[in-house]
């Protein structure tokens, strides 16, 4: 917490806040990417096992939903990142160190 307070004074609370938002969005992108991989694995396993078409259709819909969530998360991440400054880059690196 002390390091975050010092960082906020150094780069500004607004840049620190935006860095946190960017970090949260990157986590969201990672989670949605993992959901895509899991949905793909479920679909492949069901297809390999000879699942009925209605089950494959449902799994395909789930996969498509995961892809849509991933695309939206990437869009939001790009929007946040496109306004990234050097100060927020430093803050993002600092916040990542705190997570470890």
N, C-alpha and C. Protein backbone atom coordinates (compact mmCIF):
# COMPACT_ATOMS: atom_id res chain seq x y z
N UNK A 1 0.83 -1.20 0.00
CA UNK A 1 0.00 0.00 0.00
C UNK A 1 0.87 1.26 0.00
N UNK A 2 1.96 1.20 0.75
CA UNK A 2 2.85 2.37 0.80
C UNK A 2 3.47 2.61 -0.57
N UNK A 3 3.89 1.52 -1.23
CA UNK A 3 4.46 1.67 -2.57
C UNK A 3 3.44 2.25 -3.53
N UNK A 4 2.17 1.84 -3.41
CA UNK A 4 1.13 2.38 -4.29
C UNK A 4 0.91 3.86 -4.02
N UNK A 5 0.96 4.24 -2.75
CA UNK A 5 0.79 5.67 -2.42
C UNK A 5 1.94 6.49 -3.00
N UNK A 6 3.14 5.96 -2.88
CA UNK A 6 4.29 6.67 -3.45
C UNK A 6 4.16 6.76 -4.97
N UNK A 7 3.76 5.66 -5.57
CA UNK A 7 3.59 5.65 -7.02
C UNK A 7 2.51 6.65 -7.44
N UNK A 8 1.42 6.69 -6.70
CA UNK A 8 0.34 7.63 -7.01
C UNK A 8 0.85 9.07 -6.93
N UNK A 9 1.68 9.36 -5.94
CA UNK A 9 2.23 10.72 -5.85
C UNK A 9 3.18 11.00 -7.00
N UNK A 10 3.93 9.97 -7.41
CA UNK A 10 4.92 10.15 -8.47
C UNK A 10 4.27 10.33 -9.84
N UNK A 11 3.36 9.45 -10.18
CA UNK A 11 2.79 9.48 -11.54
C UNK A 11 1.39 10.07 -11.58
N UNK A 12 0.79 10.22 -10.43
CA UNK A 12 -0.56 10.77 -10.37
C UNK A 12 -1.59 9.68 -10.14
N UNK A 13 -2.55 10.00 -9.31
CA UNK A 13 -3.59 9.03 -8.97
C UNK A 13 -4.40 8.62 -10.20
N UNK A 14 -4.61 9.56 -11.11
CA UNK A 14 -5.40 9.24 -12.31
C UNK A 14 -4.69 8.18 -13.16
N UNK A 15 -3.38 8.35 -13.37
CA UNK A 15 -2.64 7.36 -14.16
C UNK A 15 -2.60 6.01 -13.45
N UNK A 16 -2.50 6.03 -12.12
CA UNK A 16 -2.51 4.77 -11.37
C UNK A 16 -3.86 4.08 -11.52
N UNK A 17 -4.93 4.86 -11.45
CA UNK A 17 -6.28 4.30 -11.63
C UNK A 17 -6.43 3.69 -13.03
N UNK A 18 -5.98 4.40 -14.03
CA UNK A 18 -6.08 3.89 -15.39
C UNK A 18 -5.22 2.63 -15.58
N UNK A 19 -4.08 2.59 -14.92
CA UNK A 19 -3.24 1.39 -15.00
C UNK A 19 -3.95 0.20 -14.37
N UNK A 20 -4.64 0.46 -13.27
CA UNK A 20 -5.41 -0.63 -12.63
C UNK A 20 -6.51 -1.12 -13.56
N UNK A 21 -7.19 -0.18 -14.21
CA UNK A 21 -8.24 -0.57 -15.16
C UNK A 21 -7.66 -1.42 -16.29
N UNK A 22 -6.50 -1.01 -16.79
CA UNK A 22 -5.87 -1.75 -17.87
C UNK A 22 -5.49 -3.15 -17.40
N UNK A 23 -4.95 -3.24 -16.19
CA UNK A 23 -4.57 -4.54 -15.66
C UNK A 23 -5.79 -5.45 -15.49
N UNK A 24 -6.89 -4.90 -14.97
CA UNK A 24 -8.11 -5.68 -14.82
C UNK A 24 -8.62 -6.16 -16.18
N UNK A 25 -8.53 -5.31 -17.18
CA UNK A 25 -9.00 -5.68 -18.52
C UNK A 25 -8.12 -6.77 -19.11
N UNK A 26 -6.82 -6.71 -18.86
CA UNK A 26 -5.93 -7.76 -19.35
C UNK A 26 -6.27 -9.10 -18.68
N UNK A 27 -6.61 -9.06 -17.40
CA UNK A 27 -7.04 -10.29 -16.72
C UNK A 27 -8.32 -10.83 -17.33
N UNK A 28 -9.23 -9.93 -17.66
CA UNK A 28 -10.49 -10.33 -18.29
C UNK A 28 -10.22 -11.00 -19.64
N UNK A 29 -9.31 -10.43 -20.42
CA UNK A 29 -8.95 -11.02 -21.71
C UNK A 29 -8.39 -12.43 -21.53
N UNK A 30 -7.54 -12.58 -20.54
CA UNK A 30 -6.96 -13.90 -20.28
C UNK A 30 -8.03 -14.89 -19.88
N UNK A 31 -8.94 -14.48 -19.00
CA UNK A 31 -10.01 -15.37 -18.56
C UNK A 31 -10.92 -15.78 -19.72
N UNK A 32 -11.25 -14.84 -20.59
CA UNK A 32 -12.12 -15.17 -21.72
C UNK A 32 -11.38 -16.06 -22.73
N UNK A 33 -10.07 -15.86 -22.86
CA UNK A 33 -9.29 -16.72 -23.76
C UNK A 33 -9.28 -18.16 -23.22
N UNK A 34 -9.14 -18.29 -21.90
CA UNK A 34 -9.18 -19.62 -21.29
C UNK A 34 -10.55 -20.27 -21.46
N UNK A 35 -11.61 -19.45 -21.39
CA UNK A 35 -12.96 -19.97 -21.59
C UNK A 35 -13.14 -20.48 -23.02
N UNK A 36 -12.55 -19.79 -23.99
CA UNK A 36 -12.61 -20.24 -25.38
C UNK A 36 -11.93 -21.60 -25.51
N UNK A 37 -10.76 -21.73 -24.92
CA UNK A 37 -10.02 -22.99 -25.01
C UNK A 37 -10.81 -24.13 -24.37
N UNK A 38 -11.45 -23.85 -23.23
CA UNK A 38 -12.24 -24.90 -22.57
C UNK A 38 -13.46 -25.27 -23.41
N UNK A 39 -14.13 -24.27 -23.97
CA UNK A 39 -15.30 -24.55 -24.81
C UNK A 39 -14.90 -25.33 -26.05
N UNK A 40 -13.77 -25.00 -26.62
CA UNK A 40 -13.27 -25.71 -27.80
C UNK A 40 -12.96 -27.17 -27.45
N UNK A 41 -12.35 -27.36 -26.30
CA UNK A 41 -12.02 -28.73 -25.87
C UNK A 41 -13.29 -29.55 -25.64
N UNK A 42 -14.32 -28.92 -25.02
CA UNK A 42 -15.59 -29.63 -24.80
C UNK A 42 -16.24 -30.01 -26.13
N UNK A 43 -16.22 -29.08 -27.09
CA UNK A 43 -16.81 -29.36 -28.39
C UNK A 43 -16.06 -30.50 -29.08
N UNK A 44 -14.74 -30.43 -29.08
CA UNK A 44 -13.94 -31.47 -29.74
C UNK A 44 -14.17 -32.83 -29.11
N UNK A 45 -14.21 -32.87 -27.78
CA UNK A 45 -14.44 -34.14 -27.09
C UNK A 45 -15.81 -34.71 -27.43
N UNK A 46 -16.81 -33.83 -27.46
CA UNK A 46 -18.17 -34.29 -27.79
C UNK A 46 -18.24 -34.77 -29.23
N UNK A 47 -17.61 -34.05 -30.13
CA UNK A 47 -17.62 -34.44 -31.55
C UNK A 47 -16.91 -35.78 -31.73
N UNK A 48 -15.77 -35.93 -31.06
CA UNK A 48 -15.03 -37.19 -31.15
C UNK A 48 -15.81 -38.37 -30.57
N UNK A 49 -16.65 -38.07 -29.56
CA UNK A 49 -17.43 -39.13 -28.92
C UNK A 49 -18.72 -39.42 -29.68
N UNK A 50 -18.96 -38.70 -30.76
CA UNK A 50 -20.18 -38.94 -31.56
C UNK A 50 -21.43 -38.37 -30.92
N UNK A 51 -21.31 -37.23 -30.27
CA UNK A 51 -22.46 -36.60 -29.61
C UNK A 51 -23.53 -36.27 -30.64
N UNK A 52 -24.78 -36.23 -30.20
CA UNK A 52 -25.87 -35.89 -31.12
C UNK A 52 -25.76 -34.44 -31.61
N UNK A 53 -26.31 -34.17 -32.77
CA UNK A 53 -26.22 -32.82 -33.35
C UNK A 53 -26.73 -31.72 -32.43
N UNK A 54 -27.79 -31.99 -31.67
CA UNK A 54 -28.32 -30.94 -30.79
C UNK A 54 -27.31 -30.57 -29.70
N UNK A 55 -26.57 -31.55 -29.20
CA UNK A 55 -25.53 -31.26 -28.19
C UNK A 55 -24.38 -30.48 -28.82
N UNK A 56 -24.00 -30.87 -30.03
CA UNK A 56 -22.93 -30.15 -30.72
C UNK A 56 -23.34 -28.71 -31.03
N UNK A 57 -24.61 -28.52 -31.37
CA UNK A 57 -25.10 -27.17 -31.64
C UNK A 57 -25.02 -26.31 -30.38
N UNK A 58 -25.39 -26.89 -29.23
CA UNK A 58 -25.32 -26.15 -27.97
C UNK A 58 -23.87 -25.81 -27.63
N UNK A 59 -22.98 -26.77 -27.80
CA UNK A 59 -21.56 -26.52 -27.52
C UNK A 59 -20.98 -25.48 -28.48
N UNK A 60 -21.44 -25.52 -29.71
CA UNK A 60 -21.00 -24.53 -30.69
C UNK A 60 -21.47 -23.13 -30.30
N UNK A 61 -22.70 -23.03 -29.81
CA UNK A 61 -23.21 -21.75 -29.33
C UNK A 61 -22.39 -21.23 -28.15
N UNK A 62 -22.04 -22.12 -27.23
CA UNK A 62 -21.23 -21.73 -26.09
C UNK A 62 -19.87 -21.21 -26.55
N UNK A 63 -19.29 -21.89 -27.53
CA UNK A 63 -18.00 -21.46 -28.07
C UNK A 63 -18.13 -20.09 -28.72
N UNK A 64 -19.18 -19.89 -29.50
CA UNK A 64 -19.40 -18.60 -30.16
C UNK A 64 -19.59 -17.49 -29.13
N UNK A 65 -20.30 -17.80 -28.03
CA UNK A 65 -20.49 -16.82 -26.97
C UNK A 65 -19.16 -16.44 -26.34
N UNK A 66 -18.31 -17.43 -26.11
CA UNK A 66 -16.97 -17.16 -25.56
C UNK A 66 -16.16 -16.29 -26.52
N UNK A 67 -16.25 -16.57 -27.82
CA UNK A 67 -15.53 -15.76 -28.80
C UNK A 67 -16.02 -14.31 -28.79
N UNK A 68 -17.32 -14.12 -28.65
CA UNK A 68 -17.88 -12.77 -28.62
C UNK A 68 -17.42 -12.02 -27.37
N UNK A 69 -17.40 -12.72 -26.22
CA UNK A 69 -16.92 -12.08 -24.99
C UNK A 69 -15.44 -11.72 -25.10
N UNK A 70 -14.67 -12.60 -25.74
CA UNK A 70 -13.24 -12.34 -25.92
C UNK A 70 -13.02 -11.13 -26.84
N UNK A 71 -13.78 -11.06 -27.91
CA UNK A 71 -13.65 -9.93 -28.83
C UNK A 71 -14.00 -8.62 -28.12
N UNK A 72 -15.04 -8.64 -27.31
CA UNK A 72 -15.43 -7.44 -26.57
C UNK A 72 -14.36 -7.07 -25.55
N UNK A 73 -13.82 -8.05 -24.85
CA UNK A 73 -12.76 -7.77 -23.87
C UNK A 73 -11.53 -7.19 -24.57
N UNK A 74 -11.19 -7.73 -25.73
CA UNK A 74 -10.05 -7.19 -26.49
C UNK A 74 -10.32 -5.78 -26.98
N UNK A 75 -11.54 -5.51 -27.37
CA UNK A 75 -11.90 -4.17 -27.83
C UNK A 75 -11.74 -3.17 -26.68
N UNK A 76 -12.25 -3.54 -25.50
CA UNK A 76 -12.12 -2.65 -24.35
C UNK A 76 -10.65 -2.48 -23.94
N UNK A 77 -9.90 -3.56 -24.02
CA UNK A 77 -8.48 -3.50 -23.66
C UNK A 77 -7.72 -2.60 -24.62
N UNK A 78 -8.01 -2.71 -25.89
CA UNK A 78 -7.35 -1.86 -26.89
C UNK A 78 -7.71 -0.40 -26.68
N UNK A 79 -8.95 -0.15 -26.31
CA UNK A 79 -9.40 1.22 -26.08
C UNK A 79 -8.65 1.82 -24.89
N UNK A 80 -8.50 1.05 -23.84
CA UNK A 80 -7.76 1.52 -22.66
C UNK A 80 -6.29 1.68 -23.02
N UNK A 81 -5.73 0.68 -23.69
CA UNK A 81 -4.31 0.69 -24.02
C UNK A 81 -3.93 1.76 -25.02
N UNK A 82 -4.85 2.14 -25.90
CA UNK A 82 -4.52 3.15 -26.91
C UNK A 82 -4.29 4.52 -26.28
N UNK A 83 -4.80 4.70 -25.08
CA UNK A 83 -4.60 5.96 -24.38
C UNK A 83 -3.52 5.84 -23.31
N UNK A 84 -2.73 4.79 -23.42
CA UNK A 84 -1.72 4.52 -22.40
C UNK A 84 -0.56 5.49 -22.52
N UNK A 85 -0.10 5.96 -21.39
CA UNK A 85 1.06 6.84 -21.34
C UNK A 85 2.22 6.08 -20.71
N UNK A 86 3.38 6.67 -20.74
CA UNK A 86 4.54 6.05 -20.10
C UNK A 86 4.29 5.88 -18.62
N UNK A 87 3.68 6.87 -17.98
CA UNK A 87 3.41 6.80 -16.55
C UNK A 87 2.50 5.62 -16.22
N UNK A 88 1.47 5.40 -17.04
CA UNK A 88 0.59 4.25 -16.78
C UNK A 88 1.30 2.94 -17.06
N UNK A 89 2.23 2.93 -18.01
CA UNK A 89 3.01 1.72 -18.27
C UNK A 89 3.84 1.36 -17.04
N UNK A 90 4.44 2.37 -16.44
CA UNK A 90 5.22 2.14 -15.21
C UNK A 90 4.30 1.65 -14.11
N UNK A 91 3.14 2.26 -13.98
CA UNK A 91 2.20 1.86 -12.94
C UNK A 91 1.72 0.43 -13.17
N UNK A 92 1.46 0.06 -14.40
CA UNK A 92 1.03 -1.30 -14.72
C UNK A 92 2.09 -2.30 -14.32
N UNK A 93 3.34 -2.00 -14.61
CA UNK A 93 4.44 -2.89 -14.22
C UNK A 93 4.52 -2.99 -12.71
N UNK A 94 4.34 -1.88 -12.03
CA UNK A 94 4.36 -1.88 -10.55
C UNK A 94 3.24 -2.74 -10.00
N UNK A 95 2.04 -2.58 -10.54
CA UNK A 95 0.90 -3.35 -10.06
C UNK A 95 1.08 -4.83 -10.31
N UNK A 96 1.69 -5.18 -11.43
CA UNK A 96 1.96 -6.58 -11.72
C UNK A 96 2.94 -7.16 -10.70
N UNK A 97 3.93 -6.37 -10.30
CA UNK A 97 4.88 -6.81 -9.27
C UNK A 97 4.17 -7.03 -7.94
N UNK A 98 3.20 -6.18 -7.62
CA UNK A 98 2.46 -6.33 -6.37
C UNK A 98 1.63 -7.60 -6.36
N UNK A 99 1.16 -8.05 -7.52
CA UNK A 99 0.34 -9.26 -7.60
C UNK A 99 1.15 -10.52 -7.33
N UNK A 100 2.44 -10.45 -7.53
CA UNK A 100 3.28 -11.65 -7.36
C UNK A 100 3.56 -11.94 -5.94
